[in-house]
């Protein structure tokens, strides 16, 4: 395929979603079943209705997800963009004088 560097591939896989909403934690984690390694530029879309849980609880859901692998070109562009985003963190200035 001559344009293989432009095409992305997709596949479906089961996943587990852990959602916690409390005064100590507020998060949602998605774990893909199997040994699926994510790389720069890859995307995951979890299917199903929006999740809402009561405050102070933690719940686990089983869903399906679609993983879309980035094309080689998209992966390279994502890595380059990440490098420049990281370089912005290095732009630090220091005052020659003392802090009062």
PDB file of N, CA and C in Angstrom:
ATOM      1  N   UNK A   1       0.849  -1.176   0.000  1.00  0.00           N
ATOM      2  CA  UNK A   1       0.000   0.000   0.000  1.00  0.00           C
ATOM      3  C   UNK A   1       0.895   1.240   0.000  1.00  0.00           C
ATOM      4  N   UNK A   2       0.715   2.089  -0.965  1.00  0.00           N
ATOM      5  CA  UNK A   2       1.568   3.257  -1.112  1.00  0.00           C
ATOM      6  C   UNK A   2       1.299   4.312  -0.040  1.00  0.00           C
ATOM      7  N   UNK A   3       0.076   4.408   0.448  1.00  0.00           N
ATOM      8  CA  UNK A   3      -0.263   5.423   1.437  1.00  0.00           C
ATOM      9  C   UNK A   3      -0.424   4.817   2.830  1.00  0.00           C
ATOM     10  N   UNK A   4       0.264   3.753   3.125  1.00  0.00           N
ATOM     11  CA  UNK A   4       0.165   3.085   4.415  1.00  0.00           C
ATOM     12  C   UNK A   4       0.568   3.971   5.586  1.00  0.00           C
ATOM     13  N   UNK A   5       1.432   4.944   5.345  1.00  0.00           N
ATOM     14  CA  UNK A   5       1.867   5.837   6.422  1.00  0.00           C
ATOM     15  C   UNK A   5       0.778   6.828   6.820  1.00  0.00           C
ATOM     16  N   UNK A   6      -0.337   6.877   6.060  1.00  0.00           N
ATOM     17  CA  UNK A   6      -1.432   7.796   6.365  1.00  0.00           C
ATOM     18  C   UNK A   6      -2.646   7.109   6.992  1.00  0.00           C
ATOM     19  N   UNK A   7      -2.691   5.780   6.938  1.00  0.00           N
ATOM     20  CA  UNK A   7      -3.895   5.066   7.382  1.00  0.00           C
ATOM     21  C   UNK A   7      -3.757   4.581   8.821  1.00  0.00           C
ATOM     22  N   UNK A   8      -4.880   4.650   9.530  1.00  0.00           N
ATOM     23  CA  UNK A   8      -4.946   4.169  10.909  1.00  0.00           C
ATOM     24  C   UNK A   8      -5.771   2.885  10.920  1.00  0.00           C
ATOM     25  N   UNK A   9      -5.546   2.034  11.910  1.00  0.00           N
ATOM     26  CA  UNK A   9      -6.322   0.810  12.064  1.00  0.00           C
ATOM     27  C   UNK A   9      -7.084   0.867  13.372  1.00  0.00           C
ATOM     28  N   UNK A  10      -8.233   0.180  13.414  1.00  0.00           N
ATOM     29  CA  UNK A  10      -9.063   0.154  14.618  1.00  0.00           C
ATOM     30  C   UNK A  10      -9.460  -1.273  14.946  1.00  0.00           C
ATOM     31  N   UNK A  11      -9.698  -1.525  16.246  1.00  0.00           N
ATOM     32  CA  UNK A  11     -10.225  -2.808  16.681  1.00  0.00           C
ATOM     33  C   UNK A  11     -10.980  -2.608  17.987  1.00  0.00           C
ATOM     34  N   UNK A  12     -11.919  -3.494  18.264  1.00  0.00           N
ATOM     35  CA  UNK A  12     -12.707  -3.448  19.499  1.00  0.00           C
ATOM     36  C   UNK A  12     -12.145  -4.426  20.512  1.00  0.00           C
ATOM     37  N   UNK A  13     -12.268  -4.079  21.790  1.00  0.00           N
ATOM     38  CA  UNK A  13     -11.799  -4.927  22.879  1.00  0.00           C
ATOM     39  C   UNK A  13     -12.638  -4.657  24.125  1.00  0.00           C
ATOM     40  N   UNK A  14     -12.795  -5.650  24.989  1.00  0.00           N
ATOM     41  CA  UNK A  14     -13.473  -5.387  26.266  1.00  0.00           C
ATOM     42  C   UNK A  14     -12.583  -4.514  27.155  1.00  0.00           C
ATOM     43  N   UNK A  15     -13.213  -3.793  28.084  1.00  0.00           N
ATOM     44  CA  UNK A  15     -12.452  -2.972  29.015  1.00  0.00           C
ATOM     45  C   UNK A  15     -13.178  -2.907  30.354  1.00  0.00           C
ATOM     46  N   UNK A  16     -12.431  -2.534  31.378  1.00  0.00           N
ATOM     47  CA  UNK A  16     -12.964  -2.357  32.723  1.00  0.00           C
ATOM     48  C   UNK A  16     -12.771  -0.901  33.116  1.00  0.00           C
ATOM     49  N   UNK A  17     -13.844  -0.275  33.603  1.00  0.00           N
ATOM     50  CA  UNK A  17     -13.789   1.120  34.016  1.00  0.00           C
ATOM     51  C   UNK A  17     -14.009   1.174  35.521  1.00  0.00           C
ATOM     52  N   UNK A  18     -13.082   1.812  36.223  1.00  0.00           N
ATOM     53  CA  UNK A  18     -13.215   2.020  37.662  1.00  0.00           C
ATOM     54  C   UNK A  18     -13.443   3.506  37.898  1.00  0.00           C
ATOM     55  N   UNK A  19     -14.567   3.835  38.534  1.00  0.00           N
ATOM     56  CA  UNK A  19     -14.924   5.232  38.789  1.00  0.00           C
ATOM     57  C   UNK A  19     -15.057   5.415  40.292  1.00  0.00           C
ATOM     58  N   UNK A  20     -14.407   6.457  40.811  1.00  0.00           N
ATOM     59  CA  UNK A  20     -14.532   6.776  42.233  1.00  0.00           C
ATOM     60  C   UNK A  20     -14.789   8.263  42.374  1.00  0.00           C
ATOM     61  N   UNK A  21     -15.752   8.592  43.242  1.00  0.00           N
ATOM     62  CA  UNK A  21     -16.090   9.984  43.507  1.00  0.00           C
ATOM     63  C   UNK A  21     -16.282  10.132  45.018  1.00  0.00           C
ATOM     64  N   UNK A  22     -15.256  10.681  45.667  1.00  0.00           N
ATOM     65  CA  UNK A  22     -15.309  10.878  47.123  1.00  0.00           C
ATOM     66  C   UNK A  22     -14.492  12.112  47.469  1.00  0.00           C
ATOM     67  N   UNK A  23     -14.425  12.440  48.750  1.00  0.00           N
ATOM     68  CA  UNK A  23     -13.630  13.600  49.156  1.00  0.00           C
ATOM     69  C   UNK A  23     -12.137  13.330  49.001  1.00  0.00           C
ATOM     70  N   UNK A  24     -11.721  12.055  48.980  1.00  0.00           N
ATOM     71  CA  UNK A  24     -10.308  11.706  48.816  1.00  0.00           C
ATOM     72  C   UNK A  24      -9.918  11.470  47.358  1.00  0.00           C
ATOM     73  N   UNK A  25     -10.859  10.957  46.553  1.00  0.00           N
ATOM     74  CA  UNK A  25     -10.549  10.596  45.164  1.00  0.00           C
ATOM     75  C   UNK A  25     -11.671  11.008  44.231  1.00  0.00           C
ATOM     76  N   UNK A  26     -11.269  11.445  43.047  1.00  0.00           N
ATOM     77  CA  UNK A  26     -12.214  11.742  41.986  1.00  0.00           C
ATOM     78  C   UNK A  26     -11.532  11.333  40.693  1.00  0.00           C
ATOM     79  N   UNK A  27     -11.820  10.125  40.215  1.00  0.00           N
ATOM     80  CA  UNK A  27     -11.145   9.635  39.017  1.00  0.00           C
ATOM     81  C   UNK A  27     -11.960   8.570  38.297  1.00  0.00           C
ATOM     82  N   UNK A  28     -11.584   8.343  37.044  1.00  0.00           N
ATOM     83  CA  UNK A  28     -12.103   7.256  36.231  1.00  0.00           C
ATOM     84  C   UNK A  28     -10.916   6.653  35.492  1.00  0.00           C
ATOM     85  N   UNK A  29     -10.701   5.358  35.673  1.00  0.00           N
ATOM     86  CA  UNK A  29      -9.593   4.657  35.017  1.00  0.00           C
ATOM     87  C   UNK A  29     -10.148   3.596  34.084  1.00  0.00           C
ATOM     88  N   UNK A  30      -9.583   3.500  32.898  1.00  0.00           N
ATOM     89  CA  UNK A  30      -9.979   2.485  31.924  1.00  0.00           C
ATOM     90  C   UNK A  30      -8.817   1.528  31.755  1.00  0.00           C
ATOM     91  N   UNK A  31      -9.097   0.240  31.914  1.00  0.00           N
ATOM     92  CA  UNK A  31      -8.091  -0.797  31.677  1.00  0.00           C
ATOM     93  C   UNK A  31      -8.579  -1.669  30.534  1.00  0.00           C
ATOM     94  N   UNK A  32      -7.791  -1.744  29.476  1.00  0.00           N
ATOM     95  CA  UNK A  32      -8.141  -2.577  28.334  1.00  0.00           C
ATOM     96  C   UNK A  32      -7.798  -4.026  28.649  1.00  0.00           C
ATOM     97  N   UNK A  33      -8.700  -4.951  28.301  1.00  0.00           N
ATOM     98  CA  UNK A  33      -8.427  -6.369  28.519  1.00  0.00           C
ATOM     99  C   UNK A  33      -7.314  -6.824  27.588  1.00  0.00           C
ATOM    100  N   UNK A  34      -6.518  -7.751  28.064  1.00  0.00           N
ATOM    101  CA  UNK A  34      -5.397  -8.237  27.266  1.00  0.00           C
ATOM    102  C   UNK A  34      -4.173  -7.377  27.487  1.00  0.00           C
ATOM    103  N   UNK A  35      -3.158  -7.653  26.750  1.00  0.00           N
ATOM    104  CA  UNK A  35      -1.885  -6.943  26.885  1.00  0.00           C
ATOM    105  C   UNK A  35      -1.748  -5.952  25.733  1.00  0.00           C
ATOM    106  N   UNK A  36      -2.556  -4.886  25.766  1.00  0.00           N
ATOM    107  CA  UNK A  36      -2.575  -3.905  24.685  1.00  0.00           C
ATOM    108  C   UNK A  36      -1.728  -2.702  25.096  1.00  0.00           C
ATOM    109  N   UNK A  37      -0.661  -2.481  24.370  1.00  0.00           N
ATOM    110  CA  UNK A  37       0.225  -1.346  24.650  1.00  0.00           C
ATOM    111  C   UNK A  37      -0.243  -0.141  23.845  1.00  0.00           C
ATOM    112  N   UNK A  38      -0.395   0.974  24.528  1.00  0.00           N
ATOM    113  CA  UNK A  38      -0.779   2.213  23.856  1.00  0.00           C
ATOM    114  C   UNK A  38       0.487   2.973  23.472  1.00  0.00           C
ATOM    115  N   UNK A  39       0.448   3.623  22.306  1.00  0.00           N
ATOM    116  CA  UNK A  39       1.591   4.379  21.821  1.00  0.00           C
ATOM    117  C   UNK A  39       1.138   5.806  21.491  1.00  0.00           C
ATOM    118  N   UNK A  40       2.089   6.729  21.304  1.00  0.00           N
ATOM    119  CA  UNK A  40       1.720   8.115  21.010  1.00  0.00           C
ATOM    120  C   UNK A  40       0.780   8.216  19.812  1.00  0.00           C
ATOM    121  N   UNK A  41      -0.298   8.994  19.985  1.00  0.00           N
ATOM    122  CA  UNK A  41      -1.256   9.213  18.912  1.00  0.00           C
ATOM    123  C   UNK A  41      -2.416   8.229  18.892  1.00  0.00           C
ATOM    124  N   UNK A  42      -2.315   7.118  19.627  1.00  0.00           N
ATOM    125  CA  UNK A  42      -3.413   6.147  19.674  1.00  0.00           C
ATOM    126  C   UNK A  42      -4.595   6.743  20.430  1.00  0.00           C
ATOM    127  N   UNK A  43      -5.807   6.301  20.097  1.00  0.00           N
ATOM    128  CA  UNK A  43      -7.017   6.797  20.747  1.00  0.00           C
ATOM    129  C   UNK A  43      -7.843   5.622  21.257  1.00  0.00           C
ATOM    130  N   UNK A  44      -8.566   5.850  22.351  1.00  0.00           N
ATOM    131  CA  UNK A  44      -9.482   4.856  22.906  1.00  0.00           C
ATOM    132  C   UNK A  44     -10.841   5.512  23.072  1.00  0.00           C
ATOM    133  N   UNK A  45     -11.880   4.882  22.547  1.00  0.00           N
ATOM    134  CA  UNK A  45     -13.255   5.364  22.724  1.00  0.00           C
ATOM    135  C   UNK A  45     -14.040   4.264  23.432  1.00  0.00           C
ATOM    136  N   UNK A  46     -14.532   4.589  24.623  1.00  0.00           N
ATOM    137  CA  UNK A  46     -15.319   3.641  25.413  1.00  0.00           C
ATOM    138  C   UNK A  46     -16.784   3.809  25.032  1.00  0.00           C
ATOM    139  N   UNK A  47     -17.477   2.683  24.777  1.00  0.00           N
ATOM    140  CA  UNK A  47     -18.867   2.712  24.339  1.00  0.00           C
ATOM    141  C   UNK A  47     -19.810   2.522  25.521  1.00  0.00           C
ATOM    142  N   UNK A  48     -21.010   3.028  25.394  1.00  0.00           N
ATOM    143  CA  UNK A  48     -22.033   2.858  26.420  1.00  0.00           C
ATOM    144  C   UNK A  48     -22.558   4.190  26.902  1.00  0.00           C
ATOM    145  N   UNK A  49     -23.548   4.082  27.762  1.00  0.00           N
ATOM    146  CA  UNK A  49     -24.184   5.280  28.315  1.00  0.00           C
ATOM    147  C   UNK A  49     -23.222   5.994  29.263  1.00  0.00           C
ATOM    148  N   UNK A  50     -23.394   7.311  29.448  1.00  0.00           N
ATOM    149  CA  UNK A  50     -22.556   8.044  30.411  1.00  0.00           C
ATOM    150  C   UNK A  50     -22.696   7.435  31.808  1.00  0.00           C
ATOM    151  N   UNK A  51     -21.602   7.477  32.550  1.00  0.00           N
ATOM    152  CA  UNK A  51     -21.577   6.902  33.894  1.00  0.00           C
ATOM    153  C   UNK A  51     -21.779   8.006  34.916  1.00  0.00           C
ATOM    154  N   UNK A  52     -22.707   7.777  35.837  1.00  0.00           N
ATOM    155  CA  UNK A  52     -22.932   8.687  36.959  1.00  0.00           C
ATOM    156  C   UNK A  52     -23.021   7.836  38.210  1.00  0.00           C
ATOM    157  N   UNK A  53     -22.241   8.208  39.234  1.00  0.00           N
ATOM    158  CA  UNK A  53     -22.287   7.472  40.499  1.00  0.00           C
ATOM    159  C   UNK A  53     -22.516   8.454  41.636  1.00  0.00           C
ATOM    160  N   UNK A  54     -23.110   7.991  42.730  1.00  0.00           N
ATOM    161  CA  UNK A  54     -23.329   8.877  43.877  1.00  0.00           C
ATOM    162  C   UNK A  54     -22.008   9.260  44.542  1.00  0.00           C
ATOM    163  N   UNK A  55     -21.976  10.441  45.148  1.00  0.00           N
ATOM    164  CA  UNK A  55     -20.789  10.893  45.864  1.00  0.00           C
ATOM    165  C   UNK A  55     -20.481   9.919  47.006  1.00  0.00           C
ATOM    166  N   UNK A  56     -19.188   9.662  47.196  1.00  0.00           N
ATOM    167  CA  UNK A  56     -18.746   8.769  48.270  1.00  0.00           C
ATOM    168  C   UNK A  56     -18.713   7.303  47.873  1.00  0.00           C
ATOM    169  N   UNK A  57     -18.839   7.014  46.577  1.00  0.00           N
ATOM    170  CA  UNK A  57     -18.842   5.618  46.132  1.00  0.00           C
ATOM    171  C   UNK A  57     -17.755   5.360  45.107  1.00  0.00           C
ATOM    172  N   UNK A  58     -17.512   4.079  44.914  1.00  0.00           N
ATOM    173  CA  UNK A  58     -16.559   3.581  43.903  1.00  0.00           C
ATOM    174  C   UNK A  58     -17.249   2.421  43.211  1.00  0.00           C
ATOM    175  N   UNK A  59     -17.308   2.454  41.876  1.00  0.00           N
ATOM    176  CA  UNK A  59     -17.974   1.394  41.133  1.00  0.00           C
ATOM    177  C   UNK A  59     -17.121   0.958  39.955  1.00  0.00           C
ATOM    178  N   UNK A  60     -17.317  -0.302  39.554  1.00  0.00           N
ATOM    179  CA  UNK A  60     -16.576  -0.886  38.435  1.00  0.00           C
ATOM    180  C   UNK A  60     -17.581  -1.282  37.362  1.00  0.00           C
ATOM    181  N   UNK A  61     -17.273  -0.957  36.114  1.00  0.00           N
ATOM    182  CA  UNK A  61     -18.150  -1.242  34.980  1.00  0.00           C
ATOM    183  C   UNK A  61     -17.378  -2.018  33.927  1.00  0.00           C
ATOM    184  N   UNK A  62     -18.081  -2.908  33.231  1.00  0.00           N
ATOM    185  CA  UNK A  62     -17.507  -3.637  32.098  1.00  0.00           C
ATOM    186  C   UNK A  62     -18.123  -3.056  30.830  1.00  0.00           C
ATOM    187  N   UNK A  63     -17.287  -2.646  29.888  1.00  0.00           N
ATOM    188  CA  UNK A  63     -17.761  -2.057  28.633  1.00  0.00           C
ATOM    189  C   UNK A  63     -16.907  -2.569  27.476  1.00  0.00           C
ATOM    190  N   UNK A  64     -17.223  -2.088  26.283  1.00  0.00           N
ATOM    191  CA  UNK A  64     -16.395  -2.340  25.099  1.00  0.00           C
ATOM    192  C   UNK A  64     -15.744  -1.016  24.705  1.00  0.00           C
ATOM    193  N   UNK A  65     -14.573  -1.126  24.134  1.00  0.00           N
ATOM    194  CA  UNK A  65     -13.839   0.063  23.696  1.00  0.00           C
ATOM    195  C   UNK A  65     -13.300  -0.175  22.293  1.00  0.00           C
ATOM    196  N   UNK A  66     -13.179   0.900  21.537  1.00  0.00           N
ATOM    197  CA  UNK A  66     -12.544   0.849  20.226  1.00  0.00           C
ATOM    198  C   UNK A  66     -11.190   1.531  20.340  1.00  0.00           C
ATOM    199  N   UNK A  67     -10.153   0.807  19.994  1.00  0.00           N
ATOM    200  CA  UNK A  67      -8.789   1.345  19.988  1.00  0.00           C
ATOM    201  C   UNK A  67      -8.454   1.679  18.540  1.00  0.00           C
ATOM    202  N   UNK A  68      -8.043   2.914  18.299  1.00  0.00           N
ATOM    203  CA  UNK A  68      -7.617   3.337  16.967  1.00  0.00           C
ATOM    204  C   UNK A  68      -6.128   3.625  17.031  1.00  0.00           C
ATOM    205  N   UNK A  69      -5.384   2.830  16.295  1.00  0.00           N
ATOM    206  CA  UNK A  69      -3.934   3.007  16.246  1.00  0.00           C
ATOM    207  C   UNK A  69      -3.599   4.182  15.332  1.00  0.00           C
ATOM    208  N   UNK A  70      -2.664   4.996  15.756  1.00  0.00           N
ATOM    209  CA  UNK A  70      -2.221   6.125  14.936  1.00  0.00           C
ATOM    210  C   UNK A  70      -1.433   5.610  13.748  1.00  0.00           C
ATOM    211  N   UNK A  71      -1.556   6.305  12.641  1.00  0.00           N
ATOM    212  CA  UNK A  71      -0.736   5.972  11.472  1.00  0.00           C
ATOM    213  C   UNK A  71       0.707   6.353  11.794  1.00  0.00           C
ATOM    214  N   UNK A  72       1.665   5.811  11.073  1.00  0.00           N
ATOM    215  CA  UNK A  72       3.067   6.190  11.326  1.00  0.00           C
ATOM    216  C   UNK A  72       3.299   7.701  11.238  1.00  0.00           C
ATOM    217  N   UNK A  73       2.636   8.365  10.299  1.00  0.00           N
ATOM    218  CA  UNK A  73       2.796   9.819  10.179  1.00  0.00           C
ATOM    219  C   UNK A  73       2.218  10.524  11.402  1.00  0.00           C
ATOM    220  N   UNK A  74       1.016  10.143  11.822  1.00  0.00           N
ATOM    221  CA  UNK A  74       0.374  10.749  13.001  1.00  0.00           C
ATOM    222  C   UNK A  74       1.219  10.495  14.254  1.00  0.00           C
ATOM    223  N   UNK A  75       1.778   9.286  14.385  1.00  0.00           N
ATOM    224  CA  UNK A  75       2.616   8.953  15.540  1.00  0.00           C
ATOM    225  C   UNK A  75       3.853   9.858  15.573  1.00  0.00           C
ATOM    226  N   UNK A  76       4.485  10.062  14.428  1.00  0.00           N
ATOM    227  CA  UNK A  76       5.673  10.919  14.357  1.00  0.00           C
ATOM    228  C   UNK A  76       5.319  12.373  14.700  1.00  0.00           C
ATOM    229  N   UNK A  77       4.186  12.858  14.181  1.00  0.00           N
ATOM    230  CA  UNK A  77       3.763  14.226  14.482  1.00  0.00           C
ATOM    231  C   UNK A  77       3.424  14.387  15.960  1.00  0.00           C
ATOM    232  N   UNK A  78       2.811  13.373  16.563  1.00  0.00           N
ATOM    233  CA  UNK A  78       2.474  13.428  17.987  1.00  0.00           C
ATOM    234  C   UNK A  78       3.735  13.470  18.836  1.00  0.00           C
ATOM    235  N   UNK A  79       4.737  12.667  18.487  1.00  0.00           N
ATOM    236  CA  UNK A  79       6.004  12.676  19.227  1.00  0.00           C
ATOM    237  C   UNK A  79       6.695  14.032  19.112  1.00  0.00           C
ATOM    238  N   UNK A  80       6.678  14.606  17.905  1.00  0.00           N
ATOM    239  CA  UNK A  80       7.318  15.920  17.704  1.00  0.00           C
ATOM    240  C   UNK A  80       6.588  16.991  18.511  1.00  0.00           C
ATOM    241  N   UNK A  81       5.258  16.971  18.485  1.00  0.00           N
ATOM    242  CA  UNK A  81       4.479  17.959  19.242  1.00  0.00           C
ATOM    243  C   UNK A  81       4.735  17.811  20.741  1.00  0.00           C
ATOM    244  N   UNK A  82       4.829  16.583  21.223  1.00  0.00           N
ATOM    245  CA  UNK A  82       5.089  16.344  22.645  1.00  0.00           C
ATOM    246  C   UNK A  82       6.469  16.872  23.037  1.00  0.00           C
ATOM    247  N   UNK A  83       7.448  16.718  22.144  1.00  0.00           N
ATOM    248  CA  UNK A  83       8.791  17.230  22.432  1.00  0.00           C
ATOM    249  C   UNK A  83       8.757  18.742  22.617  1.00  0.00           C
ATOM    250  N   UNK A  84       8.060  19.445  21.724  1.00  0.00           N
ATOM    251  CA  UNK A  84       8.004  20.898  21.818  1.00  0.00           C
ATOM    252  C   UNK A  84       7.158  21.353  23.006  1.00  0.00           C
ATOM    253  N   UNK A  85       6.108  20.596  23.341  1.00  0.00           N
ATOM    254  CA  UNK A  85       5.321  20.930  24.535  1.00  0.00           C
ATOM    255  C   UNK A  85       6.177  20.777  25.780  1.00  0.00           C
ATOM    256  N   UNK A  86       6.996  19.743  25.832  1.00  0.00           N
ATOM    257  CA  UNK A  86       7.886  19.532  26.962  1.00  0.00           C
ATOM    258  C   UNK A  86       8.939  20.634  27.025  1.00  0.00           C
ATOM    259  N   UNK A  87       9.430  21.059  25.874  1.00  0.00           N
ATOM    260  CA  UNK A  87      10.450  22.110  25.840  1.00  0.00           C
ATOM    261  C   UNK A  87       9.919  23.414  26.422  1.00  0.00           C
ATOM    262  N   UNK A  88       8.611  23.651  26.339  1.00  0.00           N
ATOM    263  CA  UNK A  88       8.034  24.861  26.933  1.00  0.00           C
ATOM    264  C   UNK A  88       8.257  24.890  28.442  1.00  0.00           C
ATOM    265  N   UNK A  89       8.309  23.728  29.061  1.00  0.00           N
ATOM    266  CA  UNK A  89       8.529  23.666  30.501  1.00  0.00           C
ATOM    267  C   UNK A  89       9.933  24.133  30.879  1.00  0.00           C
ATOM    268  N   UNK A  90      10.862  24.072  29.947  1.00  0.00           N
ATOM    269  CA  UNK A  90      12.237  24.473  30.226  1.00  0.00           C
ATOM    270  C   UNK A  90      12.411  25.984  30.209  1.00  0.00           C
ATOM    271  N   UNK A  91      11.465  26.714  29.668  1.00  0.00           N
ATOM    272  CA  UNK A  91      11.572  28.162  29.580  1.00  0.00           C
ATOM    273  C   UNK A  91      11.324  28.764  30.957  1.00  0.00           C
ATOM    274  N   UNK A  92      12.392  28.917  31.693  1.00  0.00           N
ATOM    275  CA  UNK A  92      12.329  29.410  33.065  1.00  0.00           C
ATOM    276  C   UNK A  92      13.233  30.627  33.162  1.00  0.00           C
ATOM    277  N   UNK A  93      12.799  31.645  33.864  1.00  0.00           N
ATOM    278  CA  UNK A  93      13.667  32.798  34.063  1.00  0.00           C
ATOM    279  C   UNK A  93      13.998  32.910  35.554  1.00  0.00           C
ATOM    280  N   UNK A  94      15.171  33.434  35.820  1.00  0.00           N
ATOM    281  CA  UNK A  94      15.622  33.606  37.204  1.00  0.00           C
ATOM    282  C   UNK A  94      15.930  35.085  37.427  1.00  0.00           C
ATOM    283  N   UNK A  95      15.567  35.556  38.594  1.00  0.00           N
ATOM    284  CA  UNK A  95      15.845  36.924  38.977  1.00  0.00           C
ATOM    285  C   UNK A  95      17.275  37.031  39.481  1.00  0.00           C
ATOM    286  N   UNK A  96      17.980  38.054  39.065  1.00  0.00           N
ATOM    287  CA  UNK A  96      19.346  38.232  39.550  1.00  0.00           C
ATOM    288  C   UNK A  96      19.365  38.728  40.996  1.00  0.00           C
ATOM    289  N   UNK A  97      18.299  39.403  41.389  1.00  0.00           N
ATOM    290  CA  UNK A  97      18.247  39.953  42.743  1.00  0.00           C
ATOM    291  C   UNK A  97      17.716  38.946  43.754  1.00  0.00           C
ATOM    292  N   UNK A  98      17.721  39.346  45.012  1.00  0.00           N
ATOM    293  CA  UNK A  98      17.211  38.488  46.084  1.00  0.00           C
ATOM    294  C   UNK A  98      15.706  38.608  46.185  1.00  0.00           C
ATOM    295  N   UNK A  99      15.079  37.567  46.639  1.00  0.00           N
ATOM    296  CA  UNK A  99      13.639  37.592  46.877  1.00  0.00           C
ATOM    297  C   UNK A  99      13.395  38.266  48.213  1.00  0.00           C
ATOM    298  N   UNK A 100      12.512  39.244  48.253  1.00  0.00           N
ATOM    299  CA  UNK A 100      12.267  39.996  49.482  1.00  0.00           C
ATOM    300  C   UNK A 100      10.989  39.582  50.119  1.00  0.00           C
TER     301      UNK A 100
END
